[in-house]
Amino acid sequence: MTSQKAWSLNKVIPAAAAIYADQDVVGGLLTLSGALDENFRTGQLISGFLSDKAAVMGTVNIYIFDENPTASTFTDQATFAVDDADISKIVGVLTFSSVIDTGSSYLSAASFSNGLPVPVKSSDGTLYAVAVCSGTPTFTANCLTLKLQVIQDGPNY
């Protein structure tokens, strides 16, 4: 018998202290180890939060992959482009477009299409993500943190 466990996965996005161009990758390919239970390897993506300590964030899209997009190269501050061989590995996109100003930083929340959970399955429990900015923000080093809300399938937790 299996059950489900709610899980929050935090990942610092290694942004450079630099000006980014519209549609640039921010921080390169992110490996989200432990996103899914390593034995069951299935679950649901619920939502995400993105915090920006530099308080410069415009719209940021986070592309989530269920397998490593090995045919694509995602380099920090390079234009985002997904190879045709990796398109089917995209399981969802979180769009962070409106921000809450906390006084010293920004916080943004996003859910997947129609607010419905996105079922995911991974061969090893790891998911991958790429952050892509709109506009021309000037980030400070490591100022962005992604918090991904996941429901993991697994043994009786």
C-alpha atoms as a PDB file:
ATOM      1  CA  MET A   1       0.000   0.000   0.000  1.00  0.00           C
ATOM      2  CA  THR A   2       1.202   3.498  -0.783  1.00  0.00           C
ATOM      3  CA  SER A   3       0.431   6.854   0.707  1.00  0.00           C
ATOM      4  CA  GLN A   4       1.327  10.427  -0.098  1.00  0.00           C
ATOM      5  CA  LYS A   5       3.482  13.005   1.624  1.00  0.00           C
ATOM      6  CA  ALA A   6       3.540  16.767   1.052  1.00  0.00           C
ATOM      7  CA  TRP A   7       7.071  17.966   0.487  1.00  0.00           C
ATOM      8  CA  SER A   8       8.734  21.347  -0.026  1.00  0.00           C
ATOM      9  CA  LEU A   9      11.960  21.386  -1.948  1.00  0.00           C
ATOM     10  CA  ASN A  10      14.130  24.503  -1.720  1.00  0.00           C
ATOM     11  CA  LYS A  11      16.742  25.305  -4.357  1.00  0.00           C
ATOM     12  CA  VAL A  12      18.931  28.400  -4.600  1.00  0.00           C
ATOM     13  CA  ILE A  13      19.170  29.474  -8.220  1.00  0.00           C
ATOM     14  CA  PRO A  14      22.838  30.361  -8.814  1.00  0.00           C
ATOM     15  CA  ALA A  15      22.271  33.678 -10.563  1.00  0.00           C
ATOM     16  CA  ALA A  16      25.284  35.811 -11.339  1.00  0.00           C
ATOM     17  CA  ALA A  17      25.647  39.383 -10.144  1.00  0.00           C
ATOM     18  CA  ALA A  18      24.900  40.721 -13.612  1.00  0.00           C
ATOM     19  CA  ILE A  19      22.384  42.204 -16.022  1.00  0.00           C
ATOM     20  CA  TYR A  20      20.344  39.512 -17.781  1.00  0.00           C
ATOM     21  CA  ALA A  21      18.807  39.856 -21.238  1.00  0.00           C
ATOM     22  CA  ASP A  22      15.197  39.024 -22.068  1.00  0.00           C
ATOM     23  CA  GLN A  23      14.715  35.222 -22.284  1.00  0.00           C
ATOM     24  CA  ASP A  24      18.074  34.450 -20.655  1.00  0.00           C
ATOM     25  CA  VAL A  25      18.589  31.317 -18.590  1.00  0.00           C
ATOM     26  CA  VAL A  26      19.185  32.213 -14.946  1.00  0.00           C
ATOM     27  CA  GLY A  27      21.657  29.954 -13.150  1.00  0.00           C
ATOM     28  CA  GLY A  28      21.800  27.085 -15.664  1.00  0.00           C
ATOM     29  CA  LEU A  29      20.182  23.667 -15.300  1.00  0.00           C
ATOM     30  CA  LEU A  30      18.921  22.985 -11.766  1.00  0.00           C
ATOM     31  CA  THR A  31      18.966  19.446 -10.393  1.00  0.00           C
ATOM     32  CA  LEU A  32      16.086  18.862  -7.958  1.00  0.00           C
ATOM     33  CA  SER A  33      17.359  15.773  -6.152  1.00  0.00           C
ATOM     34  CA  GLY A  34      14.877  14.138  -3.807  1.00  0.00           C
ATOM     35  CA  ALA A  35      11.862  15.755  -5.457  1.00  0.00           C
ATOM     36  CA  LEU A  36      10.198  12.328  -5.596  1.00  0.00           C
ATOM     37  CA  ASP A  37      10.565   9.296  -3.339  1.00  0.00           C
ATOM     38  CA  GLU A  38      13.524   7.335  -4.760  1.00  0.00           C
ATOM     39  CA  ASN A  39      11.675   4.002  -4.565  1.00  0.00           C
ATOM     40  CA  PHE A  40       8.282   5.057  -5.949  1.00  0.00           C
ATOM     41  CA  ARG A  41       9.468   7.898  -8.242  1.00  0.00           C
ATOM     42  CA  THR A  42       6.004   9.368  -8.788  1.00  0.00           C
ATOM     43  CA  GLY A  43       4.080  12.289  -7.391  1.00  0.00           C
ATOM     44  CA  GLN A  44       2.357  15.546  -8.184  1.00  0.00           C
ATOM     45  CA  LEU A  45       3.687  19.059  -8.601  1.00  0.00           C
ATOM     46  CA  ILE A  46       1.400  21.479  -6.790  1.00  0.00           C
ATOM     47  CA  SER A  47       2.847  24.993  -6.837  1.00  0.00           C
ATOM     48  CA  GLY A  48       5.934  27.066  -6.270  1.00  0.00           C
ATOM     49  CA  PHE A  49       7.276  30.162  -4.614  1.00  0.00           C
ATOM     50  CA  LEU A  50      10.143  32.282  -5.851  1.00  0.00           C
ATOM     51  CA  SER A  51      11.922  34.735  -3.582  1.00  0.00           C
ATOM     52  CA  ASP A  52      14.233  37.460  -4.842  1.00  0.00           C
ATOM     53  CA  LYS A  53      16.548  39.058  -2.275  1.00  0.00           C
ATOM     54  CA  ALA A  54      17.656  41.657  -4.860  1.00  0.00           C
ATOM     55  CA  ALA A  55      14.027  42.829  -5.324  1.00  0.00           C
ATOM     56  CA  VAL A  56      14.433  43.238  -9.101  1.00  0.00           C
ATOM     57  CA  MET A  57      12.455  40.278 -10.393  1.00  0.00           C
ATOM     58  CA  GLY A  58      10.124  40.769 -13.325  1.00  0.00           C
ATOM     59  CA  THR A  59       8.466  37.721 -14.861  1.00  0.00           C
ATOM     60  CA  VAL A  60      10.387  34.475 -14.383  1.00  0.00           C
ATOM     61  CA  ASN A  61       9.317  31.157 -15.899  1.00  0.00           C
ATOM     62  CA  ILE A  62      10.505  27.909 -14.337  1.00  0.00           C
ATOM     63  CA  TYR A  63      10.447  24.971 -16.762  1.00  0.00           C
ATOM     64  CA  ILE A  64      10.224  21.593 -14.983  1.00  0.00           C
ATOM     65  CA  PHE A  65      11.618  18.443 -16.647  1.00  0.00           C
ATOM     66  CA  ASP A  66      10.927  14.858 -15.524  1.00  0.00           C
ATOM     67  CA  GLU A  67      14.214  13.609 -17.015  1.00  0.00           C
ATOM     68  CA  ASN A  68      17.581  15.243 -17.560  1.00  0.00           C
ATOM     69  CA  PRO A  69      17.328  17.317 -20.781  1.00  0.00           C
ATOM     70  CA  THR A  70      20.678  16.034 -22.060  1.00  0.00           C
ATOM     71  CA  ALA A  71      20.234  17.194 -25.673  1.00  0.00           C
ATOM     72  CA  SER A  72      19.928  20.828 -24.535  1.00  0.00           C
ATOM     73  CA  THR A  73      22.507  23.145 -23.030  1.00  0.00           C
ATOM     74  CA  PHE A  74      21.307  25.627 -20.430  1.00  0.00           C
ATOM     75  CA  THR A  75      24.035  28.127 -19.628  1.00  0.00           C
ATOM     76  CA  ASP A  76      23.633  31.021 -17.219  1.00  0.00           C
ATOM     77  CA  GLN A  77      23.000  34.276 -19.138  1.00  0.00           C
ATOM     78  CA  ALA A  78      22.494  32.471 -22.482  1.00  0.00           C
ATOM     79  CA  THR A  79      19.259  32.547 -24.485  1.00  0.00           C
ATOM     80  CA  PHE A  80      16.830  29.805 -23.491  1.00  0.00           C
ATOM     81  CA  ALA A  81      16.422  27.129 -26.175  1.00  0.00           C
ATOM     82  CA  VAL A  82      15.162  23.566 -25.759  1.00  0.00           C
ATOM     83  CA  ASP A  83      16.315  20.904 -28.218  1.00  0.00           C
ATOM     84  CA  ASP A  84      13.490  19.018 -29.950  1.00  0.00           C
ATOM     85  CA  ALA A  85      14.656  15.816 -28.230  1.00  0.00           C
ATOM     86  CA  ASP A  86      13.938  17.364 -24.813  1.00  0.00           C
ATOM     87  CA  ILE A  87      10.535  18.974 -25.432  1.00  0.00           C
ATOM     88  CA  SER A  88       8.644  15.878 -24.256  1.00  0.00           C
ATOM     89  CA  LYS A  89      10.548  15.965 -20.948  1.00  0.00           C
ATOM     90  CA  ILE A  90       8.877  19.266 -19.938  1.00  0.00           C
ATOM     91  CA  VAL A  91       6.079  18.422 -17.515  1.00  0.00           C
ATOM     92  CA  GLY A  92       5.108  21.914 -16.422  1.00  0.00           C
ATOM     93  CA  VAL A  93       5.924  25.596 -16.354  1.00  0.00           C
ATOM     94  CA  LEU A  94       5.556  27.883 -13.363  1.00  0.00           C
ATOM     95  CA  THR A  95       5.144  31.546 -14.316  1.00  0.00           C
ATOM     96  CA  PHE A  96       6.046  33.993 -11.574  1.00  0.00           C
ATOM     97  CA  SER A  97       4.689  37.334 -12.771  1.00  0.00           C
ATOM     98  CA  SER A  98       3.286  39.272  -9.847  1.00  0.00           C
ATOM     99  CA  VAL A  99       5.374  40.049  -6.804  1.00  0.00           C
ATOM    100  CA  ILE A 100       4.763  40.914  -3.204  1.00  0.00           C
ATOM    101  CA  ASP A 101       7.166  43.562  -1.951  1.00  0.00           C
ATOM    102  CA  THR A 102       8.275  42.545   1.545  1.00  0.00           C
ATOM    103  CA  GLY A 103      10.309  45.709   2.024  1.00  0.00           C
ATOM    104  CA  SER A 104      13.734  44.213   1.389  1.00  0.00           C
ATOM    105  CA  SER A 105      12.918  41.478  -1.113  1.00  0.00           C
ATOM    106  CA  TYR A 106      10.222  40.218  -3.465  1.00  0.00           C
ATOM    107  CA  LEU A 107       8.132  37.072  -3.155  1.00  0.00           C
ATOM    108  CA  SER A 108       6.056  35.528  -5.932  1.00  0.00           C
ATOM    109  CA  ALA A 109       3.744  32.521  -5.966  1.00  0.00           C
ATOM    110  CA  ALA A 110       2.602  30.432  -8.927  1.00  0.00           C
ATOM    111  CA  SER A 111       0.570  27.326  -9.617  1.00  0.00           C
ATOM    112  CA  PHE A 112       0.446  25.107 -12.640  1.00  0.00           C
ATOM    113  CA  SER A 113      -2.165  25.426 -15.406  1.00  0.00           C
ATOM    114  CA  ASN A 114      -5.693  25.827 -14.049  1.00  0.00           C
ATOM    115  CA  GLY A 115      -4.363  25.328 -10.516  1.00  0.00           C
ATOM    116  CA  LEU A 116      -4.428  21.561 -10.954  1.00  0.00           C
ATOM    117  CA  PRO A 117      -1.617  19.276  -9.761  1.00  0.00           C
ATOM    118  CA  VAL A 118       0.758  17.975 -12.439  1.00  0.00           C
ATOM    119  CA  PRO A 119       1.429  14.209 -12.211  1.00  0.00           C
ATOM    120  CA  VAL A 120       5.130  13.420 -12.573  1.00  0.00           C
ATOM    121  CA  LYS A 121       7.236  10.303 -12.837  1.00  0.00           C
ATOM    122  CA  SER A 122      11.016  10.136 -12.833  1.00  0.00           C
ATOM    123  CA  SER A 123      13.367   7.209 -13.356  1.00  0.00           C
ATOM    124  CA  ASP A 124      15.406   8.102 -10.248  1.00  0.00           C
ATOM    125  CA  GLY A 125      13.233  10.525  -8.246  1.00  0.00           C
ATOM    126  CA  THR A 126      15.111  13.573  -9.559  1.00  0.00           C
ATOM    127  CA  LEU A 127      13.480  16.417 -11.461  1.00  0.00           C
ATOM    128  CA  TYR A 128      15.238  19.207 -13.348  1.00  0.00           C
ATOM    129  CA  ALA A 129      14.388  22.863 -13.809  1.00  0.00           C
ATOM    130  CA  VAL A 130      15.462  25.907 -15.783  1.00  0.00           C
ATOM    131  CA  ALA A 131      14.676  29.494 -14.785  1.00  0.00           C
ATOM    132  CA  VAL A 132      14.155  31.997 -17.624  1.00  0.00           C
ATOM    133  CA  CYS A 133      13.760  35.737 -17.071  1.00  0.00           C
ATOM    134  CA  SER A 134      11.764  38.307 -19.001  1.00  0.00           C
ATOM    135  CA  GLY A 135      12.983  41.851 -19.332  1.00  0.00           C
ATOM    136  CA  THR A 136      16.492  42.836 -18.286  1.00  0.00           C
ATOM    137  CA  PRO A 137      16.815  42.357 -14.518  1.00  0.00           C
ATOM    138  CA  THR A 138      20.084  42.964 -12.680  1.00  0.00           C
ATOM    139  CA  PHE A 139      20.312  40.140 -10.165  1.00  0.00           C
ATOM    140  CA  THR A 140      22.782  39.849  -7.324  1.00  0.00           C
ATOM    141  CA  ALA A 141      24.662  36.604  -6.812  1.00  0.00           C
ATOM    142  CA  ASN A 142      22.431  33.733  -5.657  1.00  0.00           C
ATOM    143  CA  CYS A 143      19.515  36.077  -4.898  1.00  0.00           C
ATOM    144  CA  LEU A 144      16.750  33.745  -6.149  1.00  0.00           C
ATOM    145  CA  THR A 145      15.345  30.770  -4.239  1.00  0.00           C
ATOM    146  CA  LEU A 146      12.765  28.376  -5.650  1.00  0.00           C
ATOM    147  CA  LYS A 147      10.475  26.494  -3.286  1.00  0.00           C
ATOM    148  CA  LEU A 148       8.610  23.713  -5.082  1.00  0.00           C
ATOM    149  CA  GLN A 149       5.557  22.115  -3.463  1.00  0.00           C
ATOM    150  CA  VAL A 150       5.353  18.399  -4.268  1.00  0.00           C
ATOM    151  CA  ILE A 151       3.159  15.514  -3.179  1.00  0.00           C
ATOM    152  CA  GLN A 152       5.303  12.390  -3.182  1.00  0.00           C
ATOM    153  CA  ASP A 153       3.901   8.893  -3.624  1.00  0.00           C
ATOM    154  CA  GLY A 154       5.615   6.431  -1.323  1.00  0.00           C
ATOM    155  CA  PRO A 155       5.338   3.837   1.394  1.00  0.00           C
ATOM    156  CA  ASN A 156       3.138   4.414   4.422  1.00  0.00           C
ATOM    157  CA  TYR A 157       4.666   7.638   5.705  1.00  0.00           C
END
